[in-house]
């Protein structure tokens, strides 16, 4: 299985774990610990899927997704949210309008994460 995935989360442990789980399945993983860094990296490297945390300082996940959708070179990127809280359900309609394809709850089950990523890449 191949695919290049960007994981965006401000918690180092989450980045490390998610990267390790996905790389063990053969995915190439690029990480960013902020929305700003994610945008810079996304503009330099082609990515098949972005897994984005909702709650981050300075630029939250929703703002990052809006910036991705406003960028002609990134607007078609597949996106899933990684979130610890169920509060995203309040914004689910807005997020779906921004093209978020899946909502993955943290802490995630490793097998479930891998299956969802595979589904998103197909």
PDB file of N, CA and C in Angstrom:
ATOM      1  N   UNK A   1       0.864  -1.186   0.000  1.00  0.00           N
ATOM      2  CA  UNK A   1       0.000   0.000   0.000  1.00  0.00           C
ATOM      3  C   UNK A   1       0.895   1.229   0.000  1.00  0.00           C
ATOM      4  N   UNK A   2       0.582   2.131  -0.881  1.00  0.00           N
ATOM      5  CA  UNK A   2       1.377   3.344  -0.912  1.00  0.00           C
ATOM      6  C   UNK A   2       0.476   4.557  -0.893  1.00  0.00           C
ATOM      7  N   UNK A   3       0.985   5.616  -0.366  1.00  0.00           N
ATOM      8  CA  UNK A   3       0.283   6.877  -0.307  1.00  0.00           C
ATOM      9  C   UNK A   3       1.086   7.811   0.567  1.00  0.00           C
ATOM     10  N   UNK A   4       1.055   9.078   0.220  1.00  0.00           N
ATOM     11  CA  UNK A   4       1.776  10.072   1.021  1.00  0.00           C
ATOM     12  C   UNK A   4       0.751  10.824   1.862  1.00  0.00           C
ATOM     13  N   UNK A   5       0.963  10.803   3.164  1.00  0.00           N
ATOM     14  CA  UNK A   5       0.008  11.372   4.105  1.00  0.00           C
ATOM     15  C   UNK A   5       0.677  12.434   4.953  1.00  0.00           C
ATOM     16  N   UNK A   6      -0.014  13.558   5.127  1.00  0.00           N
ATOM     17  CA  UNK A   6       0.467  14.569   6.059  1.00  0.00           C
ATOM     18  C   UNK A   6      -0.385  14.470   7.324  1.00  0.00           C
ATOM     19  N   UNK A   7       0.298  14.428   8.469  1.00  0.00           N
ATOM     20  CA  UNK A   7      -0.379  14.428   9.761  1.00  0.00           C
ATOM     21  C   UNK A   7      -0.060  15.764  10.427  1.00  0.00           C
ATOM     22  N   UNK A   8      -1.118  16.492  10.822  1.00  0.00           N
ATOM     23  CA  UNK A   8      -0.955  17.804  11.441  1.00  0.00           C
ATOM     24  C   UNK A   8      -1.559  17.747  12.838  1.00  0.00           C
ATOM     25  N   UNK A   9      -0.700  17.906  13.851  1.00  0.00           N
ATOM     26  CA  UNK A   9      -1.163  17.886  15.244  1.00  0.00           C
ATOM     27  C   UNK A   9      -0.126  18.609  16.089  1.00  0.00           C
ATOM     28  N   UNK A  10      -0.586  19.368  17.067  1.00  0.00           N
ATOM     29  CA  UNK A  10       0.351  20.118  17.909  1.00  0.00           C
ATOM     30  C   UNK A  10       0.886  19.298  19.079  1.00  0.00           C
ATOM     31  N   UNK A  11       0.448  18.051  19.210  1.00  0.00           N
ATOM     32  CA  UNK A  11       0.916  17.188  20.305  1.00  0.00           C
ATOM     33  C   UNK A  11       1.968  16.224  19.745  1.00  0.00           C
ATOM     34  N   UNK A  12       3.241  16.365  20.182  1.00  0.00           N
ATOM     35  CA  UNK A  12       4.323  15.537  19.636  1.00  0.00           C
ATOM     36  C   UNK A  12       4.055  14.037  19.728  1.00  0.00           C
ATOM     37  N   UNK A  13       3.485  13.582  20.819  1.00  0.00           N
ATOM     38  CA  UNK A  13       3.220  12.153  20.985  1.00  0.00           C
ATOM     39  C   UNK A  13       2.230  11.625  19.969  1.00  0.00           C
ATOM     40  N   UNK A  14       1.226  12.424  19.644  1.00  0.00           N
ATOM     41  CA  UNK A  14       0.230  12.020  18.647  1.00  0.00           C
ATOM     42  C   UNK A  14       0.887  11.937  17.266  1.00  0.00           C
ATOM     43  N   UNK A  15       1.723  12.922  16.953  1.00  0.00           N
ATOM     44  CA  UNK A  15       2.428  12.908  15.664  1.00  0.00           C
ATOM     45  C   UNK A  15       3.284  11.658  15.533  1.00  0.00           C
ATOM     46  N   UNK A  16       4.042  11.372  16.588  1.00  0.00           N
ATOM     47  CA  UNK A  16       4.974  10.237  16.574  1.00  0.00           C
ATOM     48  C   UNK A  16       4.219   8.911  16.421  1.00  0.00           C
ATOM     49  N   UNK A  17       3.159   8.735  17.215  1.00  0.00           N
ATOM     50  CA  UNK A  17       2.379   7.500  17.174  1.00  0.00           C
ATOM     51  C   UNK A  17       1.703   7.328  15.816  1.00  0.00           C
ATOM     52  N   UNK A  18       1.051   8.374  15.327  1.00  0.00           N
ATOM     53  CA  UNK A  18       0.337   8.284  14.057  1.00  0.00           C
ATOM     54  C   UNK A  18       1.307   7.965  12.924  1.00  0.00           C
ATOM     55  N   UNK A  19       2.459   8.627  12.934  1.00  0.00           N
ATOM     56  CA  UNK A  19       3.489   8.388  11.913  1.00  0.00           C
ATOM     57  C   UNK A  19       3.949   6.926  11.957  1.00  0.00           C
ATOM     58  N   UNK A  20       4.226   6.437  13.158  1.00  0.00           N
ATOM     59  CA  UNK A  20       4.714   5.060  13.302  1.00  0.00           C
ATOM     60  C   UNK A  20       3.670   4.044  12.811  1.00  0.00           C
ATOM     61  N   UNK A  21       2.420   4.242  13.202  1.00  0.00           N
ATOM     62  CA  UNK A  21       1.355   3.315  12.799  1.00  0.00           C
ATOM     63  C   UNK A  21       1.204   3.298  11.278  1.00  0.00           C
ATOM     64  N   UNK A  22       1.174   4.469  10.657  1.00  0.00           N
ATOM     65  CA  UNK A  22       0.976   4.542   9.208  1.00  0.00           C
ATOM     66  C   UNK A  22       2.202   4.043   8.434  1.00  0.00           C
ATOM     67  N   UNK A  23       3.391   4.383   8.909  1.00  0.00           N
ATOM     68  CA  UNK A  23       4.601   3.907   8.228  1.00  0.00           C
ATOM     69  C   UNK A  23       4.742   2.396   8.314  1.00  0.00           C
ATOM     70  N   UNK A  24       4.244   1.793   9.390  1.00  0.00           N
ATOM     71  CA  UNK A  24       4.314   0.336   9.523  1.00  0.00           C
ATOM     72  C   UNK A  24       3.470  -0.362   8.457  1.00  0.00           C
ATOM     73  N   UNK A  25       2.543   0.382   7.853  1.00  0.00           N
ATOM     74  CA  UNK A  25       1.699  -0.156   6.787  1.00  0.00           C
ATOM     75  C   UNK A  25       2.193   0.262   5.401  1.00  0.00           C
ATOM     76  N   UNK A  26       3.346   0.919   5.342  1.00  0.00           N
ATOM     77  CA  UNK A  26       3.927   1.269   4.057  1.00  0.00           C
ATOM     78  C   UNK A  26       3.609   2.659   3.537  1.00  0.00           C
ATOM     79  N   UNK A  27       2.879   3.440   4.313  1.00  0.00           N
ATOM     80  CA  UNK A  27       2.579   4.808   3.887  1.00  0.00           C
ATOM     81  C   UNK A  27       3.788   5.703   4.126  1.00  0.00           C
ATOM     82  N   UNK A  28       3.957   6.725   3.284  1.00  0.00           N
ATOM     83  CA  UNK A  28       4.958   7.761   3.526  1.00  0.00           C
ATOM     84  C   UNK A  28       4.254   8.836   4.352  1.00  0.00           C
ATOM     85  N   UNK A  29       4.868   9.260   5.440  1.00  0.00           N
ATOM     86  CA  UNK A  29       4.225  10.214   6.339  1.00  0.00           C
ATOM     87  C   UNK A  29       5.081  11.458   6.515  1.00  0.00           C
ATOM     88  N   UNK A  30       4.447  12.600   6.342  1.00  0.00           N
ATOM     89  CA  UNK A  30       5.058  13.901   6.584  1.00  0.00           C
ATOM     90  C   UNK A  30       4.290  14.499   7.755  1.00  0.00           C
ATOM     91  N   UNK A  31       5.001  15.083   8.716  1.00  0.00           N
ATOM     92  CA  UNK A  31       4.305  15.646   9.870  1.00  0.00           C
ATOM     93  C   UNK A  31       4.513  17.152   9.953  1.00  0.00           C
ATOM     94  N   UNK A  32       3.559  17.800  10.619  1.00  0.00           N
ATOM     95  CA  UNK A  32       3.655  19.230  10.907  1.00  0.00           C
ATOM     96  C   UNK A  32       2.986  19.460  12.256  1.00  0.00           C
ATOM     97  N   UNK A  33       3.616  20.297  13.092  1.00  0.00           N
ATOM     98  CA  UNK A  33       3.057  20.529  14.430  1.00  0.00           C
ATOM     99  C   UNK A  33       2.265  21.834  14.522  1.00  0.00           C
ATOM    100  N   UNK A  34       1.982  22.453  13.373  1.00  0.00           N
ATOM    101  CA  UNK A  34       1.141  23.661  13.364  1.00  0.00           C
ATOM    102  C   UNK A  34       0.526  23.825  11.984  1.00  0.00           C
ATOM    103  N   UNK A  35      -0.543  24.597  11.922  1.00  0.00           N
ATOM    104  CA  UNK A  35      -1.185  24.873  10.653  1.00  0.00           C
ATOM    105  C   UNK A  35      -0.267  25.604   9.691  1.00  0.00           C
ATOM    106  N   UNK A  36       0.508  26.542  10.215  1.00  0.00           N
ATOM    107  CA  UNK A  36       1.423  27.318   9.378  1.00  0.00           C
ATOM    108  C   UNK A  36       2.475  26.412   8.719  1.00  0.00           C
ATOM    109  N   UNK A  37       3.073  25.527   9.521  1.00  0.00           N
ATOM    110  CA  UNK A  37       4.088  24.609   8.978  1.00  0.00           C
ATOM    111  C   UNK A  37       3.456  23.647   7.977  1.00  0.00           C
ATOM    112  N   UNK A  38       2.233  23.217   8.266  1.00  0.00           N
ATOM    113  CA  UNK A  38       1.540  22.305   7.354  1.00  0.00           C
ATOM    114  C   UNK A  38       1.351  22.953   5.988  1.00  0.00           C
ATOM    115  N   UNK A  39       0.899  24.199   5.966  1.00  0.00           N
ATOM    116  CA  UNK A  39       0.701  24.889   4.686  1.00  0.00           C
ATOM    117  C   UNK A  39       1.992  24.998   3.889  1.00  0.00           C
ATOM    118  N   UNK A  40       3.084  25.365   4.566  1.00  0.00           N
ATOM    119  CA  UNK A  40       4.381  25.472   3.879  1.00  0.00           C
ATOM    120  C   UNK A  40       4.778  24.138   3.269  1.00  0.00           C
ATOM    121  N   UNK A  41       4.651  23.056   4.049  1.00  0.00           N
ATOM    122  CA  UNK A  41       5.045  21.731   3.560  1.00  0.00           C
ATOM    123  C   UNK A  41       4.119  21.255   2.444  1.00  0.00           C
ATOM    124  N   UNK A  42       2.828  21.526   2.581  1.00  0.00           N
ATOM    125  CA  UNK A  42       1.881  21.091   1.554  1.00  0.00           C
ATOM    126  C   UNK A  42       2.165  21.757   0.216  1.00  0.00           C
ATOM    127  N   UNK A  43       2.634  22.979   0.263  1.00  0.00           N
ATOM    128  CA  UNK A  43       2.924  23.702  -0.990  1.00  0.00           C
ATOM    129  C   UNK A  43       4.204  23.210  -1.655  1.00  0.00           C
ATOM    130  N   UNK A  44       5.052  22.509  -0.903  1.00  0.00           N
ATOM    131  CA  UNK A  44       6.319  22.002  -1.439  1.00  0.00           C
ATOM    132  C   UNK A  44       6.245  20.538  -1.851  1.00  0.00           C
ATOM    133  N   UNK A  45       5.417  19.763  -1.168  1.00  0.00           N
ATOM    134  CA  UNK A  45       5.373  18.320  -1.418  1.00  0.00           C
ATOM    135  C   UNK A  45       3.967  17.883  -1.792  1.00  0.00           C
ATOM    136  N   UNK A  46       3.892  16.962  -2.728  1.00  0.00           N
ATOM    137  CA  UNK A  46       2.589  16.430  -3.100  1.00  0.00           C
ATOM    138  C   UNK A  46       2.150  15.409  -2.054  1.00  0.00           C
ATOM    139  N   UNK A  47       0.927  15.557  -1.596  1.00  0.00           N
ATOM    140  CA  UNK A  47       0.374  14.697  -0.551  1.00  0.00           C
ATOM    141  C   UNK A  47      -0.972  14.165  -1.040  1.00  0.00           C
ATOM    142  N   UNK A  48      -1.262  12.895  -0.708  1.00  0.00           N
ATOM    143  CA  UNK A  48      -2.523  12.281  -1.125  1.00  0.00           C
ATOM    144  C   UNK A  48      -3.660  12.503  -0.126  1.00  0.00           C
ATOM    145  N   UNK A  49      -3.288  12.702   1.141  1.00  0.00           N
ATOM    146  CA  UNK A  49      -4.286  12.819   2.205  1.00  0.00           C
ATOM    147  C   UNK A  49      -3.691  13.608   3.358  1.00  0.00           C
ATOM    148  N   UNK A  50      -4.505  14.457   3.971  1.00  0.00           N
ATOM    149  CA  UNK A  50      -4.080  15.175   5.182  1.00  0.00           C
ATOM    150  C   UNK A  50      -4.984  14.768   6.340  1.00  0.00           C
ATOM    151  N   UNK A  51      -4.359  14.400   7.456  1.00  0.00           N
ATOM    152  CA  UNK A  51      -5.072  14.124   8.708  1.00  0.00           C
ATOM    153  C   UNK A  51      -4.796  15.322   9.610  1.00  0.00           C
ATOM    154  N   UNK A  52      -5.838  16.068   9.944  1.00  0.00           N
ATOM    155  CA  UNK A  52      -5.656  17.357  10.615  1.00  0.00           C
ATOM    156  C   UNK A  52      -6.370  17.389  11.956  1.00  0.00           C
ATOM    157  N   UNK A  53      -5.631  17.767  12.987  1.00  0.00           N
ATOM    158  CA  UNK A  53      -6.195  17.970  14.319  1.00  0.00           C
ATOM    159  C   UNK A  53      -7.073  19.219  14.295  1.00  0.00           C
ATOM    160  N   UNK A  54      -8.151  19.211  15.054  1.00  0.00           N
ATOM    161  CA  UNK A  54      -9.052  20.367  15.100  1.00  0.00           C
ATOM    162  C   UNK A  54      -8.482  21.458  15.998  1.00  0.00           C
ATOM    163  N   UNK A  55      -8.083  21.086  17.209  1.00  0.00           N
ATOM    164  CA  UNK A  55      -7.692  22.077  18.210  1.00  0.00           C
ATOM    165  C   UNK A  55      -6.183  22.276  18.235  1.00  0.00           C
ATOM    166  N   UNK A  56      -5.736  23.369  17.631  1.00  0.00           N
ATOM    167  CA  UNK A  56      -4.323  23.728  17.624  1.00  0.00           C
ATOM    168  C   UNK A  56      -4.225  25.230  17.881  1.00  0.00           C
ATOM    169  N   UNK A  57      -3.132  25.670  18.515  1.00  0.00           N
ATOM    170  CA  UNK A  57      -2.970  27.108  18.759  1.00  0.00           C
ATOM    171  C   UNK A  57      -2.692  27.875  17.464  1.00  0.00           C
ATOM    172  N   UNK A  58      -2.935  29.146  17.474  1.00  0.00           N
ATOM    173  CA  UNK A  58      -2.702  30.089  16.365  1.00  0.00           C
ATOM    174  C   UNK A  58      -3.619  29.838  15.179  1.00  0.00           C
ATOM    175  N   UNK A  59      -3.502  28.687  14.537  1.00  0.00           N
ATOM    176  CA  UNK A  59      -4.364  28.344  13.403  1.00  0.00           C
ATOM    177  C   UNK A  59      -4.986  26.979  13.685  1.00  0.00           C
ATOM    178  N   UNK A  60      -6.300  26.958  13.958  1.00  0.00           N
ATOM    179  CA  UNK A  60      -6.924  25.664  14.261  1.00  0.00           C
ATOM    180  C   UNK A  60      -7.174  24.887  12.967  1.00  0.00           C
ATOM    181  N   UNK A  61      -7.648  23.663  13.128  1.00  0.00           N
ATOM    182  CA  UNK A  61      -7.845  22.794  11.976  1.00  0.00           C
ATOM    183  C   UNK A  61      -8.791  23.364  10.944  1.00  0.00           C
ATOM    184  N   UNK A  62      -9.867  23.998  11.401  1.00  0.00           N
ATOM    185  CA  UNK A  62     -10.829  24.562  10.456  1.00  0.00           C
ATOM    186  C   UNK A  62     -10.195  25.684   9.625  1.00  0.00           C
ATOM    187  N   UNK A  63      -9.441  26.552  10.273  1.00  0.00           N
ATOM    188  CA  UNK A  63      -8.760  27.630   9.536  1.00  0.00           C
ATOM    189  C   UNK A  63      -7.789  27.048   8.511  1.00  0.00           C
ATOM    190  N   UNK A  64      -7.052  26.020   8.913  1.00  0.00           N
ATOM    191  CA  UNK A  64      -6.107  25.377   7.999  1.00  0.00           C
ATOM    192  C   UNK A  64      -6.844  24.808   6.788  1.00  0.00           C
ATOM    193  N   UNK A  65      -7.954  24.150   7.038  1.00  0.00           N
ATOM    194  CA  UNK A  65      -8.726  23.560   5.939  1.00  0.00           C
ATOM    195  C   UNK A  65      -9.240  24.662   5.006  1.00  0.00           C
ATOM    196  N   UNK A  66      -9.694  25.769   5.568  1.00  0.00           N
ATOM    197  CA  UNK A  66     -10.161  26.882   4.739  1.00  0.00           C
ATOM    198  C   UNK A  66      -9.025  27.410   3.854  1.00  0.00           C
ATOM    199  N   UNK A  67      -7.819  27.516   4.406  1.00  0.00           N
ATOM    200  CA  UNK A  67      -6.673  27.993   3.628  1.00  0.00           C
ATOM    201  C   UNK A  67      -6.297  26.990   2.535  1.00  0.00           C
ATOM    202  N   UNK A  68      -6.394  25.698   2.851  1.00  0.00           N
ATOM    203  CA  UNK A  68      -6.125  24.659   1.847  1.00  0.00           C
ATOM    204  C   UNK A  68      -7.136  24.779   0.703  1.00  0.00           C
ATOM    205  N   UNK A  69      -8.397  24.934   1.038  1.00  0.00           N
ATOM    206  CA  UNK A  69      -9.443  25.008   0.009  1.00  0.00           C
ATOM    207  C   UNK A  69      -9.336  26.289  -0.823  1.00  0.00           C
ATOM    208  N   UNK A  70      -8.773  27.340  -0.254  1.00  0.00           N
ATOM    209  CA  UNK A  70      -8.591  28.605  -0.984  1.00  0.00           C
ATOM    210  C   UNK A  70      -7.376  28.591  -1.902  1.00  0.00           C
ATOM    211  N   UNK A  71      -6.502  27.597  -1.751  1.00  0.00           N
ATOM    212  CA  UNK A  71      -5.283  27.511  -2.546  1.00  0.00           C
ATOM    213  C   UNK A  71      -5.559  26.631  -3.769  1.00  0.00           C
ATOM    214  N   UNK A  72      -5.493  27.194  -4.984  1.00  0.00           N
ATOM    215  CA  UNK A  72      -5.799  26.417  -6.188  1.00  0.00           C
ATOM    216  C   UNK A  72      -4.994  25.122  -6.324  1.00  0.00           C
ATOM    217  N   UNK A  73      -3.756  25.116  -5.837  1.00  0.00           N
ATOM    218  CA  UNK A  73      -2.922  23.913  -5.976  1.00  0.00           C
ATOM    219  C   UNK A  73      -3.252  22.847  -4.927  1.00  0.00           C
ATOM    220  N   UNK A  74      -3.992  23.222  -3.890  1.00  0.00           N
ATOM    221  CA  UNK A  74      -4.300  22.277  -2.804  1.00  0.00           C
ATOM    222  C   UNK A  74      -5.790  21.980  -2.656  1.00  0.00           C
ATOM    223  N   UNK A  75      -6.635  22.713  -3.356  1.00  0.00           N
ATOM    224  CA  UNK A  75      -8.080  22.688  -3.091  1.00  0.00           C
ATOM    225  C   UNK A  75      -8.727  21.306  -3.182  1.00  0.00           C
ATOM    226  N   UNK A  76      -8.120  20.378  -3.936  1.00  0.00           N
ATOM    227  CA  UNK A  76      -8.710  19.044  -4.095  1.00  0.00           C
ATOM    228  C   UNK A  76      -8.123  17.995  -3.150  1.00  0.00           C
ATOM    229  N   UNK A  77      -7.261  18.426  -2.232  1.00  0.00           N
ATOM    230  CA  UNK A  77      -6.641  17.494  -1.289  1.00  0.00           C
ATOM    231  C   UNK A  77      -7.698  16.784  -0.446  1.00  0.00           C
ATOM    232  N   UNK A  78      -7.531  15.466  -0.282  1.00  0.00           N
ATOM    233  CA  UNK A  78      -8.426  14.708   0.604  1.00  0.00           C
ATOM    234  C   UNK A  78      -8.043  15.004   2.052  1.00  0.00           C
ATOM    235  N   UNK A  79      -9.062  15.236   2.874  1.00  0.00           N
ATOM    236  CA  UNK A  79      -8.820  15.630   4.263  1.00  0.00           C
ATOM    237  C   UNK A  79      -9.699  14.828   5.209  1.00  0.00           C
ATOM    238  N   UNK A  80      -9.094  14.401   6.323  1.00  0.00           N
ATOM    239  CA  UNK A  80      -9.840  13.809   7.435  1.00  0.00           C
ATOM    240  C   UNK A  80      -9.422  14.547   8.696  1.00  0.00           C
ATOM    241  N   UNK A  81     -10.351  14.704   9.610  1.00  0.00           N
ATOM    242  CA  UNK A  81     -10.037  15.342  10.887  1.00  0.00           C
ATOM    243  C   UNK A  81      -9.656  14.295  11.902  1.00  0.00           C
ATOM    244  N   UNK A  82      -8.646  14.610  12.689  1.00  0.00           N
ATOM    245  CA  UNK A  82      -8.264  13.813  13.856  1.00  0.00           C
ATOM    246  C   UNK A  82      -8.637  14.673  15.047  1.00  0.00           C
ATOM    247  N   UNK A  83      -9.540  14.202  15.877  1.00  0.00           N
ATOM    248  CA  UNK A  83      -9.950  15.056  16.988  1.00  0.00           C
ATOM    249  C   UNK A  83     -10.221  14.265  18.248  1.00  0.00           C
ATOM    250  N   UNK A  84      -9.914  14.888  19.372  1.00  0.00           N
ATOM    251  CA  UNK A  84     -10.124  14.251  20.664  1.00  0.00           C
ATOM    252  C   UNK A  84     -11.531  14.506  21.190  1.00  0.00           C
ATOM    253  N   UNK A  85     -12.138  15.567  20.723  1.00  0.00           N
ATOM    254  CA  UNK A  85     -13.442  15.967  21.259  1.00  0.00           C
ATOM    255  C   UNK A  85     -14.558  15.681  20.277  1.00  0.00           C
ATOM    256  N   UNK A  86     -15.733  15.484  20.810  1.00  0.00           N
ATOM    257  CA  UNK A  86     -16.902  15.296  19.956  1.00  0.00           C
ATOM    258  C   UNK A  86     -17.507  16.640  19.581  1.00  0.00           C
ATOM    259  N   UNK A  87     -16.907  17.723  20.044  1.00  0.00           N
ATOM    260  CA  UNK A  87     -17.475  19.046  19.785  1.00  0.00           C
ATOM    261  C   UNK A  87     -17.447  19.401  18.298  1.00  0.00           C
ATOM    262  N   UNK A  88     -16.662  18.687  17.504  1.00  0.00           N
ATOM    263  CA  UNK A  88     -16.652  18.948  16.068  1.00  0.00           C
ATOM    264  C   UNK A  88     -18.010  18.676  15.456  1.00  0.00           C
ATOM    265  N   UNK A  89     -18.841  17.862  16.137  1.00  0.00           N
ATOM    266  CA  UNK A  89     -20.154  17.539  15.593  1.00  0.00           C
ATOM    267  C   UNK A  89     -20.991  18.796  15.398  1.00  0.00           C
ATOM    268  N   UNK A  90     -20.763  19.802  16.252  1.00  0.00           N
ATOM    269  CA  UNK A  90     -21.467  21.076  16.129  1.00  0.00           C
ATOM    270  C   UNK A  90     -21.122  21.724  14.788  1.00  0.00           C
ATOM    271  N   UNK A  91     -19.894  21.569  14.361  1.00  0.00           N
ATOM    272  CA  UNK A  91     -19.425  22.190  13.120  1.00  0.00           C
ATOM    273  C   UNK A  91     -19.378  21.214  11.951  1.00  0.00           C
ATOM    274  N   UNK A  92     -19.917  20.020  12.145  1.00  0.00           N
ATOM    275  CA  UNK A  92     -19.787  18.980  11.120  1.00  0.00           C
ATOM    276  C   UNK A  92     -20.287  19.455   9.751  1.00  0.00           C
ATOM    277  N   UNK A  93     -21.430  20.137   9.707  1.00  0.00           N
ATOM    278  CA  UNK A  93     -21.968  20.608   8.422  1.00  0.00           C
ATOM    279  C   UNK A  93     -21.001  21.559   7.734  1.00  0.00           C
ATOM    280  N   UNK A  94     -20.448  22.511   8.501  1.00  0.00           N
ATOM    281  CA  UNK A  94     -19.491  23.472   7.936  1.00  0.00           C
ATOM    282  C   UNK A  94     -18.252  22.742   7.423  1.00  0.00           C
ATOM    283  N   UNK A  95     -17.782  21.790   8.214  1.00  0.00           N
ATOM    284  CA  UNK A  95     -16.574  21.057   7.843  1.00  0.00           C
ATOM    285  C   UNK A  95     -16.812  20.183   6.613  1.00  0.00           C
ATOM    286  N   UNK A  96     -17.991  19.583   6.528  1.00  0.00           N
ATOM    287  CA  UNK A  96     -18.301  18.778   5.348  1.00  0.00           C
ATOM    288  C   UNK A  96     -18.379  19.664   4.104  1.00  0.00           C
ATOM    289  N   UNK A  97     -18.893  20.889   4.258  1.00  0.00           N
ATOM    290  CA  UNK A  97     -18.925  21.830   3.126  1.00  0.00           C
ATOM    291  C   UNK A  97     -17.512  22.194   2.684  1.00  0.00           C
ATOM    292  N   UNK A  98     -16.554  22.131   3.613  1.00  0.00           N
ATOM    293  CA  UNK A  98     -15.158  22.396   3.277  1.00  0.00           C
ATOM    294  C   UNK A  98     -14.465  21.158   2.699  1.00  0.00           C
ATOM    295  N   UNK A  99     -15.221  20.086   2.569  1.00  0.00           N
ATOM    296  CA  UNK A  99     -14.672  18.897   1.931  1.00  0.00           C
ATOM    297  C   UNK A  99     -13.947  17.939   2.860  1.00  0.00           C
ATOM    298  N   UNK A 100     -14.290  17.938   4.131  1.00  0.00           N
ATOM    299  CA  UNK A 100     -13.703  16.962   5.052  1.00  0.00           C
ATOM    300  C   UNK A 100     -14.411  15.634   4.814  1.00  0.00           C
ATOM    301  N   UNK A 101     -13.637  14.590   4.492  1.00  0.00           N
ATOM    302  CA  UNK A 101     -14.236  13.310   4.135  1.00  0.00           C
ATOM    303  C   UNK A 101     -14.455  12.353   5.300  1.00  0.00           C
ATOM    304  N   UNK A 102     -13.728  12.564   6.421  1.00  0.00           N
ATOM    305  CA  UNK A 102     -13.891  11.642   7.545  1.00  0.00           C
ATOM    306  C   UNK A 102     -13.528  12.361   8.842  1.00  0.00           C
ATOM    307  N   UNK A 103     -14.051  11.844   9.924  1.00  0.00           N
ATOM    308  CA  UNK A 103     -13.796  12.380  11.262  1.00  0.00           C
ATOM    309  C   UNK A 103     -13.308  11.226  12.115  1.00  0.00           C
ATOM    310  N   UNK A 104     -12.027  11.261  12.493  1.00  0.00           N
ATOM    311  CA  UNK A 104     -11.412  10.163  13.237  1.00  0.00           C
ATOM    312  C   UNK A 104     -11.189  10.613  14.677  1.00  0.00           C
ATOM    313  N   UNK A 105     -11.809   9.899  15.603  1.00  0.00           N
ATOM    314  CA  UNK A 105     -11.732  10.270  17.015  1.00  0.00           C
ATOM    315  C   UNK A 105     -10.435   9.767  17.645  1.00  0.00           C
ATOM    316  N   UNK A 106      -9.774  10.659  18.398  1.00  0.00           N
ATOM    317  CA  UNK A 106      -8.588  10.266  19.182  1.00  0.00           C
ATOM    318  C   UNK A 106      -9.056   9.966  20.598  1.00  0.00           C
ATOM    319  N   UNK A 107      -8.475   9.029  21.310  1.00  0.00           N
ATOM    320  CA  UNK A 107      -7.441   8.126  20.800  1.00  0.00           C
ATOM    321  C   UNK A 107      -8.061   7.139  19.813  1.00  0.00           C
ATOM    322  N   UNK A 108      -7.358   6.876  18.729  1.00  0.00           N
ATOM    323  CA  UNK A 108      -7.876   5.994  17.697  1.00  0.00           C
ATOM    324  C   UNK A 108      -7.364   4.583  17.901  1.00  0.00           C
ATOM    325  N   UNK A 109      -8.121   3.643  17.360  1.00  0.00           N
ATOM    326  CA  UNK A 109      -7.685   2.246  17.287  1.00  0.00           C
ATOM    327  C   UNK A 109      -6.794   2.141  16.053  1.00  0.00           C
ATOM    328  N   UNK A 110      -5.598   1.578  16.205  1.00  0.00           N
ATOM    329  CA  UNK A 110      -4.636   1.534  15.101  1.00  0.00           C
ATOM    330  C   UNK A 110      -5.211   0.883  13.840  1.00  0.00           C
ATOM    331  N   UNK A 111      -5.882  -0.251  14.002  1.00  0.00           N
ATOM    332  CA  UNK A 111      -6.445  -0.947  12.840  1.00  0.00           C
ATOM    333  C   UNK A 111      -7.534  -0.108  12.179  1.00  0.00           C
ATOM    334  N   UNK A 112      -8.341   0.566  12.992  1.00  0.00           N
ATOM    335  CA  UNK A 112      -9.397   1.426  12.455  1.00  0.00           C
ATOM    336  C   UNK A 112      -8.789   2.595  11.676  1.00  0.00           C
ATOM    337  N   UNK A 113      -7.742   3.200  12.225  1.00  0.00           N
ATOM    338  CA  UNK A 113      -7.074   4.312  11.539  1.00  0.00           C
ATOM    339  C   UNK A 113      -6.552   3.858  10.173  1.00  0.00           C
ATOM    340  N   UNK A 114      -5.873   2.723  10.144  1.00  0.00           N
ATOM    341  CA  UNK A 114      -5.312   2.207   8.893  1.00  0.00           C
ATOM    342  C   UNK A 114      -6.421   1.943   7.878  1.00  0.00           C
ATOM    343  N   UNK A 115      -7.513   1.333   8.327  1.00  0.00           N
ATOM    344  CA  UNK A 115      -8.622   1.026   7.411  1.00  0.00           C
ATOM    345  C   UNK A 115      -9.249   2.307   6.868  1.00  0.00           C
ATOM    346  N   UNK A 116      -9.423   3.298   7.729  1.00  0.00           N
ATOM    347  CA  UNK A 116     -10.018   4.565   7.273  1.00  0.00           C
ATOM    348  C   UNK A 116      -9.105   5.272   6.274  1.00  0.00           C
ATOM    349  N   UNK A 117      -7.806   5.249   6.535  1.00  0.00           N
ATOM    350  CA  UNK A 117      -6.851   5.863   5.608  1.00  0.00           C
ATOM    351  C   UNK A 117      -6.906   5.147   4.268  1.00  0.00           C
ATOM    352  N   UNK A 118      -6.926   3.841   4.288  1.00  0.00           N
ATOM    353  CA  UNK A 118      -7.021   3.079   3.025  1.00  0.00           C
ATOM    354  C   UNK A 118      -8.283   3.457   2.263  1.00  0.00           C
ATOM    355  N   UNK A 119      -9.409   3.533   2.987  1.00  0.00           N
ATOM    356  CA  UNK A 119     -10.673   3.899   2.340  1.00  0.00           C
ATOM    357  C   UNK A 119     -10.595   5.292   1.720  1.00  0.00           C
ATOM    358  N   UNK A 120      -9.963   6.218   2.413  1.00  0.00           N
ATOM    359  CA  UNK A 120      -9.850   7.585   1.915  1.00  0.00           C
ATOM    360  C   UNK A 120      -8.954   7.684   0.687  1.00  0.00           C
ATOM    361  N   UNK A 121      -7.982   6.800   0.597  1.00  0.00           N
ATOM    362  CA  UNK A 121      -7.053   6.837  -0.531  1.00  0.00           C
ATOM    363  C   UNK A 121      -7.588   6.105  -1.767  1.00  0.00           C
ATOM    364  N   UNK A 122      -8.637   5.318  -1.589  1.00  0.00           N
ATOM    365  CA  UNK A 122      -9.205   4.580  -2.735  1.00  0.00           C
ATOM    366  C   UNK A 122     -10.299   5.351  -3.418  1.00  0.00           C
TER     367      UNK A 122
END
